[in-house]
């Protein structure tokens, strides 16, 4: 297994589970590993979700309906962080 970042400034580490096809794993701390298709975004904290989407625009758009639901459920937290703009981002992408 290999853990790597796309860019040195990224906070998301990707896990290359060599020999496994179609599994997209990532981590923020190299301890807790998320499965992109099973865990994203519902198992991420709001801060992790924001960071993941910032660094991975393709996946944020790919899962825009999940993201809209997630952002709506976490509106209070997003407002506290001053990031209610993220709901508009996913509404506008429909």
N, C-alpha and C. Protein backbone atom coordinates (compact mmCIF):
# COMPACT_ATOMS: atom_id res chain seq x y z
N UNK A 1 0.85 -1.17 0.00
CA UNK A 1 0.00 0.00 0.00
C UNK A 1 0.90 1.24 0.00
N UNK A 2 0.51 2.21 -0.81
CA UNK A 2 1.26 3.45 -0.94
C UNK A 2 0.32 4.61 -0.64
N UNK A 3 0.78 5.57 0.16
CA UNK A 3 0.00 6.76 0.49
C UNK A 3 0.72 7.96 -0.10
N UNK A 4 -0.01 8.78 -0.86
CA UNK A 4 0.62 9.91 -1.55
C UNK A 4 -0.34 11.09 -1.66
N UNK A 5 0.22 12.26 -1.94
CA UNK A 5 -0.55 13.47 -2.20
C UNK A 5 -0.40 13.83 -3.67
N UNK A 6 -1.43 14.43 -4.25
CA UNK A 6 -1.31 14.93 -5.62
C UNK A 6 -0.36 16.12 -5.68
N UNK A 7 -0.48 17.02 -4.71
CA UNK A 7 0.40 18.19 -4.60
C UNK A 7 0.90 18.27 -3.17
N UNK A 8 2.09 18.78 -2.98
CA UNK A 8 2.65 18.83 -1.62
C UNK A 8 1.82 19.67 -0.67
N UNK A 9 1.08 20.64 -1.18
CA UNK A 9 0.26 21.49 -0.32
C UNK A 9 -1.09 20.87 0.04
N UNK A 10 -1.45 19.76 -0.58
CA UNK A 10 -2.73 19.10 -0.32
C UNK A 10 -2.79 18.56 1.11
N UNK A 11 -4.02 18.49 1.64
CA UNK A 11 -4.25 17.88 2.94
C UNK A 11 -4.83 16.48 2.80
N UNK A 12 -5.30 16.16 1.60
CA UNK A 12 -5.86 14.84 1.33
C UNK A 12 -4.75 13.93 0.81
N UNK A 13 -4.61 12.80 1.46
CA UNK A 13 -3.67 11.77 1.03
C UNK A 13 -4.48 10.67 0.34
N UNK A 14 -4.02 10.21 -0.80
CA UNK A 14 -4.67 9.11 -1.51
C UNK A 14 -3.96 7.82 -1.15
N UNK A 15 -4.74 6.75 -1.03
CA UNK A 15 -4.19 5.44 -0.68
C UNK A 15 -4.25 4.56 -1.92
N UNK A 16 -3.09 4.13 -2.37
CA UNK A 16 -3.01 3.25 -3.53
C UNK A 16 -2.93 1.82 -3.01
N UNK A 17 -4.03 1.12 -3.09
CA UNK A 17 -4.12 -0.27 -2.66
C UNK A 17 -3.77 -1.12 -3.88
N UNK A 18 -2.50 -1.25 -4.14
CA UNK A 18 -1.98 -1.86 -5.35
C UNK A 18 -2.68 -3.18 -5.68
N UNK A 19 -3.10 -3.28 -6.93
CA UNK A 19 -3.76 -4.49 -7.39
C UNK A 19 -5.27 -4.47 -7.27
N UNK A 20 -5.82 -3.49 -6.55
CA UNK A 20 -7.27 -3.37 -6.39
C UNK A 20 -7.77 -2.33 -7.37
N UNK A 21 -8.68 -2.73 -8.23
CA UNK A 21 -9.21 -1.85 -9.27
C UNK A 21 -10.54 -1.26 -8.81
N UNK A 22 -10.71 0.04 -9.04
CA UNK A 22 -11.98 0.70 -8.78
C UNK A 22 -12.20 1.10 -7.33
N UNK A 23 -11.20 0.98 -6.50
CA UNK A 23 -11.32 1.38 -5.10
C UNK A 23 -10.57 2.69 -4.92
N UNK A 24 -11.26 3.72 -4.48
CA UNK A 24 -10.66 5.03 -4.27
C UNK A 24 -10.67 5.32 -2.77
N UNK A 25 -9.51 5.25 -2.16
CA UNK A 25 -9.37 5.45 -0.73
C UNK A 25 -8.58 6.72 -0.46
N UNK A 26 -8.94 7.43 0.60
CA UNK A 26 -8.21 8.63 0.96
C UNK A 26 -8.22 8.82 2.47
N UNK A 27 -7.30 9.64 2.94
CA UNK A 27 -7.17 9.90 4.37
C UNK A 27 -6.68 11.33 4.58
N UNK A 28 -6.93 11.86 5.75
CA UNK A 28 -6.41 13.17 6.11
C UNK A 28 -5.26 13.04 7.11
N UNK A 29 -5.24 11.95 7.86
CA UNK A 29 -4.26 11.78 8.93
C UNK A 29 -3.41 10.51 8.83
N UNK A 30 -3.57 9.77 7.76
CA UNK A 30 -2.87 8.50 7.51
C UNK A 30 -3.27 7.41 8.51
N UNK A 31 -4.34 7.64 9.26
CA UNK A 31 -4.84 6.63 10.20
C UNK A 31 -6.25 6.18 9.84
N UNK A 32 -7.14 7.15 9.69
CA UNK A 32 -8.53 6.84 9.33
C UNK A 32 -8.67 6.96 7.82
N UNK A 33 -9.05 5.86 7.17
CA UNK A 33 -9.15 5.82 5.72
C UNK A 33 -10.62 5.80 5.31
N UNK A 34 -10.95 6.65 4.35
CA UNK A 34 -12.30 6.72 3.80
C UNK A 34 -12.33 6.08 2.42
N UNK A 35 -13.46 5.45 2.11
CA UNK A 35 -13.71 4.92 0.78
C UNK A 35 -14.57 5.96 0.07
N UNK A 36 -14.08 6.47 -1.05
CA UNK A 36 -14.77 7.56 -1.75
C UNK A 36 -16.22 7.22 -2.07
N UNK A 37 -16.48 6.06 -2.60
CA UNK A 37 -17.85 5.73 -3.03
C UNK A 37 -18.76 5.33 -1.87
N UNK A 38 -18.21 4.80 -0.81
CA UNK A 38 -19.04 4.36 0.31
C UNK A 38 -19.19 5.45 1.38
N UNK A 39 -18.14 6.20 1.65
CA UNK A 39 -18.13 7.10 2.81
C UNK A 39 -18.32 8.58 2.50
N UNK A 40 -18.09 8.97 1.26
CA UNK A 40 -18.12 10.39 0.92
C UNK A 40 -19.53 10.83 0.55
N UNK A 41 -19.99 11.93 1.05
CA UNK A 41 -19.41 12.81 2.04
C UNK A 41 -19.88 12.55 3.45
N UNK A 42 -20.85 11.67 3.63
CA UNK A 42 -21.56 11.55 4.90
C UNK A 42 -20.69 11.22 6.11
N UNK A 43 -19.57 10.57 5.93
CA UNK A 43 -18.73 10.21 7.08
C UNK A 43 -17.62 11.22 7.36
N UNK A 44 -17.53 12.27 6.55
CA UNK A 44 -16.52 13.30 6.75
C UNK A 44 -17.05 14.39 7.67
N UNK A 45 -16.14 14.99 8.45
CA UNK A 45 -16.52 16.17 9.21
C UNK A 45 -16.71 17.31 8.21
N UNK A 46 -17.35 18.37 8.64
CA UNK A 46 -17.57 19.51 7.76
C UNK A 46 -16.23 20.08 7.28
N UNK A 47 -15.26 20.18 8.18
CA UNK A 47 -13.95 20.70 7.81
C UNK A 47 -13.27 19.80 6.78
N UNK A 48 -13.35 18.48 6.98
CA UNK A 48 -12.76 17.54 6.01
C UNK A 48 -13.47 17.65 4.67
N UNK A 49 -14.78 17.76 4.71
CA UNK A 49 -15.57 17.87 3.49
C UNK A 49 -15.18 19.11 2.69
N UNK A 50 -15.03 20.25 3.37
CA UNK A 50 -14.65 21.48 2.70
C UNK A 50 -13.27 21.31 2.06
N UNK A 51 -12.33 20.77 2.80
CA UNK A 51 -10.96 20.60 2.29
C UNK A 51 -10.94 19.62 1.12
N UNK A 52 -11.65 18.50 1.24
CA UNK A 52 -11.68 17.52 0.16
C UNK A 52 -12.22 18.16 -1.12
N UNK A 53 -13.32 18.89 -1.01
CA UNK A 53 -13.93 19.51 -2.18
C UNK A 53 -13.03 20.56 -2.81
N UNK A 54 -12.30 21.29 -1.97
CA UNK A 54 -11.39 22.31 -2.49
C UNK A 54 -10.27 21.67 -3.31
N UNK A 55 -9.77 20.55 -2.85
CA UNK A 55 -8.64 19.89 -3.53
C UNK A 55 -9.07 18.94 -4.64
N UNK A 56 -10.34 18.55 -4.65
CA UNK A 56 -10.81 17.53 -5.60
C UNK A 56 -12.11 17.97 -6.27
N UNK A 57 -12.01 19.01 -7.07
CA UNK A 57 -13.18 19.59 -7.73
C UNK A 57 -13.92 18.57 -8.61
N UNK A 58 -13.18 17.69 -9.25
CA UNK A 58 -13.82 16.69 -10.10
C UNK A 58 -14.80 15.84 -9.29
N UNK A 59 -14.32 15.31 -8.15
CA UNK A 59 -15.17 14.45 -7.34
C UNK A 59 -16.30 15.24 -6.67
N UNK A 60 -16.03 16.48 -6.29
CA UNK A 60 -17.09 17.32 -5.71
C UNK A 60 -18.23 17.48 -6.70
N UNK A 61 -17.90 17.72 -7.97
CA UNK A 61 -18.92 17.86 -9.00
C UNK A 61 -19.58 16.51 -9.31
N UNK A 62 -18.80 15.45 -9.36
CA UNK A 62 -19.32 14.12 -9.65
C UNK A 62 -20.41 13.73 -8.63
N UNK A 63 -20.18 14.09 -7.37
CA UNK A 63 -21.12 13.77 -6.29
C UNK A 63 -21.93 15.00 -5.86
N UNK A 64 -22.24 15.88 -6.81
CA UNK A 64 -22.90 17.14 -6.46
C UNK A 64 -24.25 16.93 -5.75
N UNK A 65 -24.99 15.89 -6.09
CA UNK A 65 -26.28 15.67 -5.42
C UNK A 65 -26.07 15.23 -3.98
N UNK A 66 -25.08 14.38 -3.75
CA UNK A 66 -24.73 14.00 -2.37
C UNK A 66 -24.25 15.23 -1.60
N UNK A 67 -23.46 16.07 -2.27
CA UNK A 67 -22.91 17.25 -1.62
C UNK A 67 -23.98 18.26 -1.27
N UNK A 68 -24.96 18.42 -2.13
CA UNK A 68 -26.07 19.32 -1.84
C UNK A 68 -26.82 18.84 -0.61
N UNK A 69 -27.09 17.56 -0.54
CA UNK A 69 -27.77 16.99 0.63
C UNK A 69 -26.92 17.17 1.90
N UNK A 70 -25.62 16.90 1.78
CA UNK A 70 -24.72 17.04 2.92
C UNK A 70 -24.69 18.50 3.40
N UNK A 71 -24.52 19.43 2.46
CA UNK A 71 -24.44 20.84 2.81
C UNK A 71 -25.74 21.32 3.47
N UNK A 72 -26.86 20.85 2.97
CA UNK A 72 -28.15 21.23 3.55
C UNK A 72 -28.28 20.71 4.98
N UNK A 73 -27.84 19.47 5.22
CA UNK A 73 -27.91 18.89 6.57
C UNK A 73 -26.98 19.62 7.54
N UNK A 74 -25.89 20.17 7.04
CA UNK A 74 -24.87 20.79 7.89
C UNK A 74 -24.85 22.31 7.75
N UNK A 75 -25.99 22.88 7.39
CA UNK A 75 -26.08 24.33 7.16
C UNK A 75 -25.62 25.13 8.36
N UNK A 76 -26.03 24.74 9.57
CA UNK A 76 -25.65 25.49 10.76
C UNK A 76 -24.13 25.55 10.93
N UNK A 77 -23.47 24.41 10.73
CA UNK A 77 -22.01 24.37 10.86
C UNK A 77 -21.34 25.19 9.76
N UNK A 78 -21.88 25.11 8.55
CA UNK A 78 -21.32 25.88 7.44
C UNK A 78 -21.47 27.38 7.69
N UNK A 79 -22.60 27.79 8.25
CA UNK A 79 -22.81 29.20 8.56
C UNK A 79 -21.81 29.67 9.63
N UNK A 80 -21.57 28.84 10.64
CA UNK A 80 -20.59 29.19 11.68
C UNK A 80 -19.20 29.37 11.10
N UNK A 81 -18.88 28.60 10.06
CA UNK A 81 -17.58 28.70 9.40
C UNK A 81 -17.57 29.76 8.30
N UNK A 82 -18.73 30.40 8.07
CA UNK A 82 -18.83 31.40 7.01
C UNK A 82 -18.78 30.79 5.62
N UNK A 83 -19.25 29.55 5.47
CA UNK A 83 -19.15 28.84 4.19
C UNK A 83 -20.51 28.42 3.63
N UNK A 84 -21.56 29.19 3.91
CA UNK A 84 -22.87 28.86 3.35
C UNK A 84 -22.88 28.99 1.83
N UNK A 85 -21.84 29.62 1.27
CA UNK A 85 -21.70 29.73 -0.18
C UNK A 85 -21.59 28.36 -0.85
N UNK A 86 -21.19 27.35 -0.09
CA UNK A 86 -21.02 26.02 -0.67
C UNK A 86 -22.35 25.39 -1.09
N UNK A 87 -23.43 25.74 -0.43
CA UNK A 87 -24.74 25.23 -0.84
C UNK A 87 -25.08 25.79 -2.22
N UNK A 88 -24.89 27.08 -2.40
CA UNK A 88 -25.16 27.71 -3.69
C UNK A 88 -24.32 27.08 -4.80
N UNK A 89 -23.09 26.73 -4.47
CA UNK A 89 -22.21 26.11 -5.47
C UNK A 89 -22.83 24.83 -6.03
N UNK A 90 -23.39 24.00 -5.16
CA UNK A 90 -23.96 22.74 -5.62
C UNK A 90 -25.34 22.90 -6.22
N UNK A 91 -26.09 23.89 -5.80
CA UNK A 91 -27.39 24.17 -6.42
C UNK A 91 -27.16 24.68 -7.84
N UNK A 92 -26.20 25.59 -8.01
CA UNK A 92 -25.92 26.17 -9.32
C UNK A 92 -25.35 25.15 -10.31
N UNK A 93 -24.77 24.06 -9.81
CA UNK A 93 -24.16 23.08 -10.72
C UNK A 93 -25.17 22.10 -11.28
N UNK A 94 -26.41 22.15 -10.83
CA UNK A 94 -27.42 21.20 -11.34
C UNK A 94 -27.82 21.51 -12.75
